[in-house]
All heavy atoms as atom14 arrays in JSON, in Angstrom:
{
  "sequence": "MTGLFGSFVQLRVLFQLHFCGPNVINHFFCDLPQLLILSCSDTF",
  "atom14_mask": [
    [1, 1, 1, 1, 1, 1, 1, 1, 0, 0, 0, 0, 0, 0],
    [1, 1, 1, 1, 1, 1, 1, 0, 0, 0, 0, 0, 0, 0],
    [1, 1, 1, 1, 0, 0, 0, 0, 0, 0, 0, 0, 0, 0],
    [1, 1, 1, 1, 1, 1, 1, 1, 0, 0, 0, 0, 0, 0],
    [1, 1, 1, 1, 1, 1, 1, 1, 1, 1, 1, 0, 0, 0],
    [1, 1, 1, 1, 0, 0, 0, 0, 0, 0, 0, 0, 0, 0],
    [1, 1, 1, 1, 1, 1, 0, 0, 0, 0, 0, 0, 0, 0],
    [1, 1, 1, 1, 1, 1, 1, 1, 1, 1, 1, 0, 0, 0],
    [1, 1, 1, 1, 1, 1, 1, 0, 0, 0, 0, 0, 0, 0],
    [1, 1, 1, 1, 1, 1, 1, 1, 1, 0, 0, 0, 0, 0],
    [1, 1, 1, 1, 1, 1, 1, 1, 0, 0, 0, 0, 0, 0],
    [1, 1, 1, 1, 1, 1, 1, 1, 1, 1, 1, 0, 0, 0],
    [1, 1, 1, 1, 1, 1, 1, 0, 0, 0, 0, 0, 0, 0],
    [1, 1, 1, 1, 1, 1, 1, 1, 0, 0, 0, 0, 0, 0],
    [1, 1, 1, 1, 1, 1, 1, 1, 1, 1, 1, 0, 0, 0],
    [1, 1, 1, 1, 1, 1, 1, 1, 1, 0, 0, 0, 0, 0],
    [1, 1, 1, 1, 1, 1, 1, 1, 0, 0, 0, 0, 0, 0],
    [1, 1, 1, 1, 1, 1, 1, 1, 1, 1, 0, 0, 0, 0],
    [1, 1, 1, 1, 1, 1, 1, 1, 1, 1, 1, 0, 0, 0],
    [1, 1, 1, 1, 1, 1, 0, 0, 0, 0, 0, 0, 0, 0],
    [1, 1, 1, 1, 0, 0, 0, 0, 0, 0, 0, 0, 0, 0],
    [1, 1, 1, 1, 1, 1, 1, 0, 0, 0, 0, 0, 0, 0],
    [1, 1, 1, 1, 1, 1, 1, 1, 0, 0, 0, 0, 0, 0],
    [1, 1, 1, 1, 1, 1, 1, 0, 0, 0, 0, 0, 0, 0],
    [1, 1, 1, 1, 1, 1, 1, 1, 0, 0, 0, 0, 0, 0],
    [1, 1, 1, 1, 1, 1, 1, 1, 0, 0, 0, 0, 0, 0],
    [1, 1, 1, 1, 1, 1, 1, 1, 1, 1, 0, 0, 0, 0],
    [1, 1, 1, 1, 1, 1, 1, 1, 1, 1, 1, 0, 0, 0],
    [1, 1, 1, 1, 1, 1, 1, 1, 1, 1, 1, 0, 0, 0],
    [1, 1, 1, 1, 1, 1, 0, 0, 0, 0, 0, 0, 0, 0],
    [1, 1, 1, 1, 1, 1, 1, 1, 0, 0, 0, 0, 0, 0],
    [1, 1, 1, 1, 1, 1, 1, 1, 0, 0, 0, 0, 0, 0],
    [1, 1, 1, 1, 1, 1, 1, 0, 0, 0, 0, 0, 0, 0],
    [1, 1, 1, 1, 1, 1, 1, 1, 1, 0, 0, 0, 0, 0],
    [1, 1, 1, 1, 1, 1, 1, 1, 0, 0, 0, 0, 0, 0],
    [1, 1, 1, 1, 1, 1, 1, 1, 0, 0, 0, 0, 0, 0],
    [1, 1, 1, 1, 1, 1, 1, 1, 0, 0, 0, 0, 0, 0],
    [1, 1, 1, 1, 1, 1, 1, 1, 0, 0, 0, 0, 0, 0],
    [1, 1, 1, 1, 1, 1, 0, 0, 0, 0, 0, 0, 0, 0],
    [1, 1, 1, 1, 1, 1, 0, 0, 0, 0, 0, 0, 0, 0],
    [1, 1, 1, 1, 1, 1, 0, 0, 0, 0, 0, 0, 0, 0],
    [1, 1, 1, 1, 1, 1, 1, 1, 0, 0, 0, 0, 0, 0],
    [1, 1, 1, 1, 1, 1, 1, 0, 0, 0, 0, 0, 0, 0],
    [1, 1, 1, 1, 1, 1, 1, 1, 1, 1, 1, 0, 0, 0]
  ],
  "atom14_positions": [
    [[-6.95, 0.0, -3.43], [-6.87, -0.96, -4.5], [-7.64, -0.45, -5.78], [-7.18, -0.58, -6.92], [-7.46, -2.33, -4.09], [-6.71, -3.02, -3.03], [-5.01, -3.38, -3.52], [-5.31, -4.53, -4.83], [0.0, 0.0, 0.0], [0.0, 0.0, 0.0], [0.0, 0.0, 0.0], [0.0, 0.0, 0.0], [0.0, 0.0, 0.0], [0.0, 0.0, 0.0]],
    [[-8.81, 0.2, -5.54], [-9.54, 0.76, -6.65], [-8.76, 1.9, -7.31], [-8.76, 1.99, -8.54], [-10.94, 1.29, -6.14], [-11.59, 0.24, -5.42], [-11.78, 1.73, -7.29], [0.0, 0.0, 0.0], [0.0, 0.0, 0.0], [0.0, 0.0, 0.0], [0.0, 0.0, 0.0], [0.0, 0.0, 0.0], [0.0, 0.0, 0.0], [0.0, 0.0, 0.0]],
    [[-8.12, 2.76, -6.51], [-7.32, 3.82, -7.07], [-6.18, 3.34, -7.9], [-5.93, 3.82, -9.01], [0.0, 0.0, 0.0], [0.0, 0.0, 0.0], [0.0, 0.0, 0.0], [0.0, 0.0, 0.0], [0.0, 0.0, 0.0], [0.0, 0.0, 0.0], [0.0, 0.0, 0.0], [0.0, 0.0, 0.0], [0.0, 0.0, 0.0], [0.0, 0.0, 0.0]],
    [[-5.48, 2.29, -7.4], [-4.35, 1.73, -8.15], [-4.81, 1.06, -9.45], [-4.14, 1.18, -10.52], [-3.63, 0.71, -7.27], [-2.75, 1.24, -6.15], [-2.28, 0.12, -5.23], [-1.51, 1.95, -6.75], [0.0, 0.0, 0.0], [0.0, 0.0, 0.0], [0.0, 0.0, 0.0], [0.0, 0.0, 0.0], [0.0, 0.0, 0.0], [0.0, 0.0, 0.0]],
    [[-5.97, 0.38, -9.42], [-6.48, -0.25, -10.61], [-6.78, 0.76, -11.71], [-6.37, 0.59, -12.86], [-7.76, -1.05, -10.28], [-8.43, -1.6, -11.48], [-7.96, -2.74, -12.14], [-9.56, -1.04, -12.01], [-8.61, -3.23, -13.26], [-10.22, -1.48, -13.15], [-9.71, -2.59, -13.75], [0.0, 0.0, 0.0], [0.0, 0.0, 0.0], [0.0, 0.0, 0.0]],
    [[-7.47, 1.86, -11.31], [-7.82, 2.85, -12.32], [-6.56, 3.53, -12.91], [-6.51, 3.82, -14.09], [0.0, 0.0, 0.0], [0.0, 0.0, 0.0], [0.0, 0.0, 0.0], [0.0, 0.0, 0.0], [0.0, 0.0, 0.0], [0.0, 0.0, 0.0], [0.0, 0.0, 0.0], [0.0, 0.0, 0.0], [0.0, 0.0, 0.0], [0.0, 0.0, 0.0]],
    [[-5.57, 3.74, -12.09], [-4.31, 4.34, -12.52], [-3.56, 3.36, -13.41], [-2.91, 3.75, -14.36], [-3.48, 4.78, -11.38], [-2.46, 5.67, -11.79], [0.0, 0.0, 0.0], [0.0, 0.0, 0.0], [0.0, 0.0, 0.0], [0.0, 0.0, 0.0], [0.0, 0.0, 0.0], [0.0, 0.0, 0.0], [0.0, 0.0, 0.0], [0.0, 0.0, 0.0]],
    [[-3.56, 2.09, -13.09], [-2.9, 1.03, -13.94], [-3.46, 0.99, -15.31], [-2.78, 0.88, -16.29], [-2.98, -0.3, -13.28], [-1.79, -0.65, -12.36], [-2.0, -0.99, -11.04], [-0.5, -0.66, -12.94], [-0.93, -1.32, -10.25], [0.56, -1.0, -12.11], [0.37, -1.3, -10.77], [0.0, 0.0, 0.0], [0.0, 0.0, 0.0], [0.0, 0.0, 0.0]],
    [[-4.79, 1.13, -15.38], [-5.49, 1.12, -16.7], [-4.95, 2.3, -17.56], [-4.69, 2.18, -18.74], [-7.02, 1.18, -16.53], [-7.68, 1.36, -17.83], [-7.52, -0.14, -15.84], [0.0, 0.0, 0.0], [0.0, 0.0, 0.0], [0.0, 0.0, 0.0], [0.0, 0.0, 0.0], [0.0, 0.0, 0.0], [0.0, 0.0, 0.0], [0.0, 0.0, 0.0]],
    [[-4.96, 3.49, -16.9], [-4.5, 4.68, -17.66], [-3.02, 4.55, -18.06], [-2.64, 4.92, -19.14], [-4.65, 5.93, -16.77], [-6.11, 6.24, -16.41], [-6.23, 7.45, -15.54], [-5.98, 8.56, -15.96], [-6.5, 7.18, -14.24], [0.0, 0.0, 0.0], [0.0, 0.0, 0.0], [0.0, 0.0, 0.0], [0.0, 0.0, 0.0], [0.0, 0.0, 0.0]],
    [[-2.2, 4.03, -17.14], [-0.75, 3.87, -17.46], [-0.54, 2.91, -18.63], [0.29, 3.16, -19.45], [-0.02, 3.34, -16.2], [1.51, 3.29, -16.33], [2.07, 4.74, -16.42], [2.12, 2.6, -15.12], [0.0, 0.0, 0.0], [0.0, 0.0, 0.0], [0.0, 0.0, 0.0], [0.0, 0.0, 0.0], [0.0, 0.0, 0.0], [0.0, 0.0, 0.0]],
    [[-1.31, 1.82, -18.67], [-1.16, 0.85, -19.76], [-1.48, 1.5, -21.11], [-0.72, 1.24, -22.08], [-2.15, -0.32, -19.5], [-2.16, -1.39, -20.56], [-0.92, -2.2, -20.53], [-0.88, -3.19, -21.54], [-0.49, -3.01, -22.82], [-0.07, -1.81, -23.22], [-0.46, -4.03, -23.65], [0.0, 0.0, 0.0], [0.0, 0.0, 0.0], [0.0, 0.0, 0.0]],
    [[-2.46, 2.31, -21.17], [-2.85, 2.98, -22.39], [-1.84, 4.05, -22.71], [-1.52, 4.32, -23.89], [-4.29, 3.54, -22.37], [-4.63, 4.2, -23.7], [-5.27, 2.41, -22.03], [0.0, 0.0, 0.0], [0.0, 0.0, 0.0], [0.0, 0.0, 0.0], [0.0, 0.0, 0.0], [0.0, 0.0, 0.0], [0.0, 0.0, 0.0], [0.0, 0.0, 0.0]],
    [[-1.41, 4.78, -21.7], [-0.43, 5.84, -21.85], [0.89, 5.38, -22.55], [1.42, 6.12, -23.4], [-0.1, 6.5, -20.52], [0.82, 7.74, -20.52], [0.17, 8.9, -21.33], [1.04, 8.21, -19.07], [0.0, 0.0, 0.0], [0.0, 0.0, 0.0], [0.0, 0.0, 0.0], [0.0, 0.0, 0.0], [0.0, 0.0, 0.0], [0.0, 0.0, 0.0]],
    [[1.32, 4.19, -22.27], [2.53, 3.61, -22.85], [2.3, 3.26, -24.33], [3.28, 2.96, -25.03], [3.0, 2.41, -22.11], [3.8, 2.76, -20.87], [3.42, 2.4, -19.63], [5.03, 3.49, -21.0], [4.21, 2.7, -18.53], [5.74, 3.83, -19.88], [5.39, 3.45, -18.67], [0.0, 0.0, 0.0], [0.0, 0.0, 0.0], [0.0, 0.0, 0.0]],
    [[1.04, 3.29, -24.76], [0.77, 3.0, -26.19], [0.81, 4.28, -27.09], [0.77, 4.18, -28.28], [-0.6, 2.32, -26.33], [-0.78, 1.08, -25.5], [0.24, 0.05, -25.79], [0.51, -0.31, -26.94], [0.89, -0.56, -24.75], [0.0, 0.0, 0.0], [0.0, 0.0, 0.0], [0.0, 0.0, 0.0], [0.0, 0.0, 0.0], [0.0, 0.0, 0.0]],
    [[0.87, 5.44, -26.43], [0.87, 6.68, -27.21], [2.23, 6.92, -27.88], [3.26, 6.57, -27.36], [0.49, 7.82, -26.27], [-0.91, 7.82, -25.65], [-1.06, 9.05, -24.77], [-2.01, 7.76, -26.68], [0.0, 0.0, 0.0], [0.0, 0.0, 0.0], [0.0, 0.0, 0.0], [0.0, 0.0, 0.0], [0.0, 0.0, 0.0], [0.0, 0.0, 0.0]],
    [[2.16, 7.6, -28.99], [3.41, 8.0, -29.71], [3.53, 9.52, -29.56], [2.59, 10.25, -29.57], [3.28, 7.65, -31.19], [3.27, 6.21, -31.5], [3.84, 5.62, -32.63], [2.77, 5.17, -30.78], [3.68, 4.34, -32.62], [2.99, 4.03, -31.5], [0.0, 0.0, 0.0], [0.0, 0.0, 0.0], [0.0, 0.0, 0.0], [0.0, 0.0, 0.0]],
    [[4.84, 9.95, -29.36], [5.12, 11.38, -29.27], [6.16, 11.68, -30.3], [7.27, 11.19, -30.25], [5.59, 11.7, -27.83], [4.59, 11.47, -26.84], [4.52, 10.27, -26.16], [3.68, 12.5, -26.44], [3.56, 10.05, -25.14], [2.7, 12.26, -25.46], [2.64, 11.05, -24.81], [0.0, 0.0, 0.0], [0.0, 0.0, 0.0], [0.0, 0.0, 0.0]],
    [[5.79, 12.5, -31.29], [6.68, 12.79, -32.4], [6.69, 14.25, -32.79], [7.27, 14.63, -33.82], [6.28, 11.9, -33.61], [4.57, 12.09, -34.09], [0.0, 0.0, 0.0], [0.0, 0.0, 0.0], [0.0, 0.0, 0.0], [0.0, 0.0, 0.0], [0.0, 0.0, 0.0], [0.0, 0.0, 0.0], [0.0, 0.0, 0.0], [0.0, 0.0, 0.0]],
    [[6.12, 15.07, -31.99], [6.0, 16.51, -32.24], [6.56, 17.37, -31.14], [7.63, 17.0, -30.56], [0.0, 0.0, 0.0], [0.0, 0.0, 0.0], [0.0, 0.0, 0.0], [0.0, 0.0, 0.0], [0.0, 0.0, 0.0], [0.0, 0.0, 0.0], [0.0, 0.0, 0.0], [0.0, 0.0, 0.0], [0.0, 0.0, 0.0], [0.0, 0.0, 0.0]],
    [[5.93, 18.42, -30.78], [6.43, 19.31, -29.67], [6.55, 18.53, -28.4], [5.82, 17.6, -28.09], [5.32, 20.39, -29.58], [4.68, 20.34, -30.9], [4.71, 18.93, -31.35], [0.0, 0.0, 0.0], [0.0, 0.0, 0.0], [0.0, 0.0, 0.0], [0.0, 0.0, 0.0], [0.0, 0.0, 0.0], [0.0, 0.0, 0.0], [0.0, 0.0, 0.0]],
    [[7.47, 18.91, -27.52], [7.71, 18.24, -26.24], [7.57, 19.14, -25.06], [8.09, 18.86, -24.01], [9.08, 17.61, -26.25], [10.19, 18.61, -26.26], [10.03, 19.71, -26.73], [11.38, 18.22, -25.8], [0.0, 0.0, 0.0], [0.0, 0.0, 0.0], [0.0, 0.0, 0.0], [0.0, 0.0, 0.0], [0.0, 0.0, 0.0], [0.0, 0.0, 0.0]],
    [[6.93, 20.32, -25.26], [6.78, 21.33, -24.17], [5.4, 21.14, -23.51], [4.43, 21.25, -24.2], [6.95, 22.77, -24.68], [6.76, 23.77, -23.59], [8.33, 22.93, -25.37], [0.0, 0.0, 0.0], [0.0, 0.0, 0.0], [0.0, 0.0, 0.0], [0.0, 0.0, 0.0], [0.0, 0.0, 0.0], [0.0, 0.0, 0.0], [0.0, 0.0, 0.0]],
    [[5.44, 20.93, -22.19], [4.2, 20.76, -21.36], [3.98, 22.09, -20.65], [4.78, 22.41, -19.78], [4.32, 19.56, -20.4], [4.57, 18.29, -21.19], [3.06, 19.48, -19.56], [4.81, 17.08, -20.24], [0.0, 0.0, 0.0], [0.0, 0.0, 0.0], [0.0, 0.0, 0.0], [0.0, 0.0, 0.0], [0.0, 0.0, 0.0], [0.0, 0.0, 0.0]],
    [[2.89, 22.71, -21.0], [2.55, 24.01, -20.29], [1.84, 23.71, -18.97], [0.67, 23.96, -18.77], [1.67, 24.86, -21.21], [1.39, 26.22, -20.66], [2.1, 26.68, -19.74], [0.45, 26.92, -21.2], [0.0, 0.0, 0.0], [0.0, 0.0, 0.0], [0.0, 0.0, 0.0], [0.0, 0.0, 0.0], [0.0, 0.0, 0.0], [0.0, 0.0, 0.0]],
    [[2.63, 23.18, -18.05], [2.1, 22.81, -16.74], [3.26, 22.65, -15.79], [4.43, 22.68, -16.18], [1.3, 21.51, -16.79], [0.12, 21.51, -15.9], [0.18, 21.78, -14.56], [-1.19, 21.17, -16.13], [-1.03, 21.65, -14.03], [-1.87, 21.37, -14.92], [0.0, 0.0, 0.0], [0.0, 0.0, 0.0], [0.0, 0.0, 0.0], [0.0, 0.0, 0.0]],
    [[2.94, 22.52, -14.44], [4.06, 22.3, -13.49], [4.22, 20.84, -13.11], [5.03, 20.51, -12.32], [3.81, 23.15, -12.24], [2.49, 22.9, -11.54], [2.42, 21.95, -10.54], [1.36, 23.64, -11.84], [1.22, 21.71, -9.91], [0.18, 23.41, -11.17], [0.09, 22.45, -10.25], [0.0, 0.0, 0.0], [0.0, 0.0, 0.0], [0.0, 0.0, 0.0]],
    [[3.34, 20.0, -13.67], [3.54, 18.55, -13.53], [2.97, 17.81, -14.74], [2.32, 18.45, -15.59], [2.94, 18.04, -12.22], [1.42, 17.96, -12.18], [0.78, 16.76, -12.39], [0.69, 19.07, -12.04], [-0.62, 16.67, -12.35], [-0.73, 19.02, -12.01], [-1.35, 17.84, -12.21], [0.0, 0.0, 0.0], [0.0, 0.0, 0.0], [0.0, 0.0, 0.0]],
    [[3.22, 16.54, -14.84], [2.79, 15.75, -16.03], [1.34, 15.33, -15.83], [1.06, 14.29, -15.2], [3.67, 14.54, -16.18], [5.35, 14.91, -16.64], [0.0, 0.0, 0.0], [0.0, 0.0, 0.0], [0.0, 0.0, 0.0], [0.0, 0.0, 0.0], [0.0, 0.0, 0.0], [0.0, 0.0, 0.0], [0.0, 0.0, 0.0], [0.0, 0.0, 0.0]],
    [[0.42, 16.18, -16.34], [-0.99, 15.87, -16.21], [-1.47, 15.28, -17.54], [-0.95, 15.62, -18.6], [-1.75, 17.12, -15.81], [-3.13, 16.79, -15.19], [-3.38, 15.62, -14.92], [-3.92, 17.73, -14.94], [0.0, 0.0, 0.0], [0.0, 0.0, 0.0], [0.0, 0.0, 0.0], [0.0, 0.0, 0.0], [0.0, 0.0, 0.0], [0.0, 0.0, 0.0]],
    [[-2.52, 14.47, -17.46], [-2.98, 13.73, -18.64], [-3.41, 14.61, -19.79], [-3.07, 14.36, -20.9], [-4.05, 12.76, -18.26], [-4.53, 11.81, -19.33], [-3.42, 10.94, -19.81], [-5.63, 10.96, -18.82], [0.0, 0.0, 0.0], [0.0, 0.0, 0.0], [0.0, 0.0, 0.0], [0.0, 0.0, 0.0], [0.0, 0.0, 0.0], [0.0, 0.0, 0.0]],
    [[-4.28, 15.62, -19.56], [-4.75, 16.41, -20.72], [-3.56, 17.01, -21.51], [-3.64, 17.07, -22.72], [-5.57, 17.51, -20.02], [-6.01, 16.92, -18.73], [-4.87, 16.04, -18.3], [0.0, 0.0, 0.0], [0.0, 0.0, 0.0], [0.0, 0.0, 0.0], [0.0, 0.0, 0.0], [0.0, 0.0, 0.0], [0.0, 0.0, 0.0], [0.0, 0.0, 0.0]],
    [[-2.48, 17.46, -20.81], [-1.39, 18.01, -21.57], [-0.64, 17.0, -22.37], [-0.12, 17.22, -23.44], [-0.42, 18.76, -20.59], [-0.88, 20.1, -20.12], [-2.16, 20.03, -19.26], [-2.33, 19.11, -18.47], [-3.05, 20.96, -19.44], [0.0, 0.0, 0.0], [0.0, 0.0, 0.0], [0.0, 0.0, 0.0], [0.0, 0.0, 0.0], [0.0, 0.0, 0.0]],
    [[-0.51, 15.71, -21.83], [0.15, 14.67, -22.55], [-0.64, 14.27, -23.82], [-0.09, 13.97, -24.86], [0.36, 13.47, -21.62], [1.37, 13.63, -20.53], [1.33, 12.41, -19.62], [2.73, 13.89, -21.08], [0.0, 0.0, 0.0], [0.0, 0.0, 0.0], [0.0, 0.0, 0.0], [0.0, 0.0, 0.0], [0.0, 0.0, 0.0], [0.0, 0.0, 0.0]],
    [[-1.95, 14.3, -23.69], [-2.81, 13.98, -24.82], [-2.66, 14.98, -25.96], [-2.69, 14.64, -27.11], [-4.29, 13.86, -24.43], [-4.62, 12.64, -23.55], [-6.08, 12.69, -23.19], [-4.21, 11.35, -24.2], [0.0, 0.0, 0.0], [0.0, 0.0, 0.0], [0.0, 0.0, 0.0], [0.0, 0.0, 0.0], [0.0, 0.0, 0.0], [0.0, 0.0, 0.0]],
    [[-2.51, 16.28, -25.58], [-2.34, 17.34, -26.57], [-1.05, 17.09, -27.36], [-1.01, 17.33, -28.56], [-2.32, 18.7, -25.85], [-3.69, 19.05, -25.31], [-1.88, 19.78, -26.86], [-3.73, 20.32, -24.48], [0.0, 0.0, 0.0], [0.0, 0.0, 0.0], [0.0, 0.0, 0.0], [0.0, 0.0, 0.0], [0.0, 0.0, 0.0], [0.0, 0.0, 0.0]],
    [[0.0, 16.65, -26.71], [1.29, 16.51, -27.29], [1.39, 15.17, -28.17], [2.27, 15.03, -28.97], [2.43, 16.51, -26.32], [2.65, 17.76, -25.49], [3.79, 17.61, -24.52], [2.86, 18.95, -26.45], [0.0, 0.0, 0.0], [0.0, 0.0, 0.0], [0.0, 0.0, 0.0], [0.0, 0.0, 0.0], [0.0, 0.0, 0.0], [0.0, 0.0, 0.0]],
    [[0.5, 14.24, -27.93], [0.61, 12.93, -28.56], [0.21, 13.1, -30.05], [-0.72, 13.77, -30.41], [-0.32, 11.91, -27.93], [-0.29, 10.7, -28.67], [0.0, 0.0, 0.0], [0.0, 0.0, 0.0], [0.0, 0.0, 0.0], [0.0, 0.0, 0.0], [0.0, 0.0, 0.0], [0.0, 0.0, 0.0], [0.0, 0.0, 0.0], [0.0, 0.0, 0.0]],
    [[0.97, 12.36, -30.92], [0.63, 12.34, -32.36], [-0.15, 11.05, -32.72], [-0.4, 10.77, -33.89], [1.86, 12.46, -33.23], [3.12, 11.21, -32.87], [0.0, 0.0, 0.0], [0.0, 0.0, 0.0], [0.0, 0.0, 0.0], [0.0, 0.0, 0.0], [0.0, 0.0, 0.0], [0.0, 0.0, 0.0], [0.0, 0.0, 0.0], [0.0, 0.0, 0.0]],
    [[-0.55, 10.3, -31.66], [-1.36, 9.09, -31.9], [-2.84, 9.5, -31.89], [-3.25, 10.55, -31.46], [-1.13, 8.06, -30.76], [0.26, 7.71, -30.74], [0.0, 0.0, 0.0], [0.0, 0.0, 0.0], [0.0, 0.0, 0.0], [0.0, 0.0, 0.0], [0.0, 0.0, 0.0], [0.0, 0.0, 0.0], [0.0, 0.0, 0.0], [0.0, 0.0, 0.0]],
    [[-3.65, 8.57, -32.38], [-5.15, 8.72, -32.27], [-5.5, 8.48, -30.79], [-5.34, 7.34, -30.3], [-5.8, 7.75, -33.21], [-7.32, 7.97, -33.17], [-7.79, 8.87, -32.48], [-8.03, 7.15, -33.84], [0.0, 0.0, 0.0], [0.0, 0.0, 0.0], [0.0, 0.0, 0.0], [0.0, 0.0, 0.0], [0.0, 0.0, 0.0], [0.0, 0.0, 0.0]],
    [[-6.0, 9.46, -30.14], [-6.29, 9.33, -28.68], [-7.74, 9.01, -28.43], [-8.17, 9.06, -27.27], [-5.92, 10.62, -27.95], [-6.74, 11.75, -28.5], [-4.45, 10.97, -28.11], [0.0, 0.0, 0.0], [0.0, 0.0, 0.0], [0.0, 0.0, 0.0], [0.0, 0.0, 0.0], [0.0, 0.0, 0.0], [0.0, 0.0, 0.0], [0.0, 0.0, 0.0]],
    [[-8.49, 8.6, -29.48], [-9.92, 8.33, -29.3], [-10.12, 7.2, -28.27], [-10.99, 7.31, -27.37], [-10.6, 7.96, -30.61], [-12.02, 7.59, -30.5], [-13.0, 8.57, -30.33], [-12.41, 6.22, -30.56], [-14.32, 8.17, -30.14], [-13.72, 5.87, -30.43], [-14.68, 6.87, -30.28], [0.0, 0.0, 0.0], [0.0, 0.0, 0.0], [0.0, 0.0, 0.0]]
  ]
}
């Protein structure tokens, strides 16, 4: 339950991000640091 809660919080914020630039992820899966690099939103 704790793991699901923490992931739900991240997912909720992830859906608020905008992506308007490069779409290439230099990874073998969708990891958060790489998604933040590609986002053109303020990730603070």
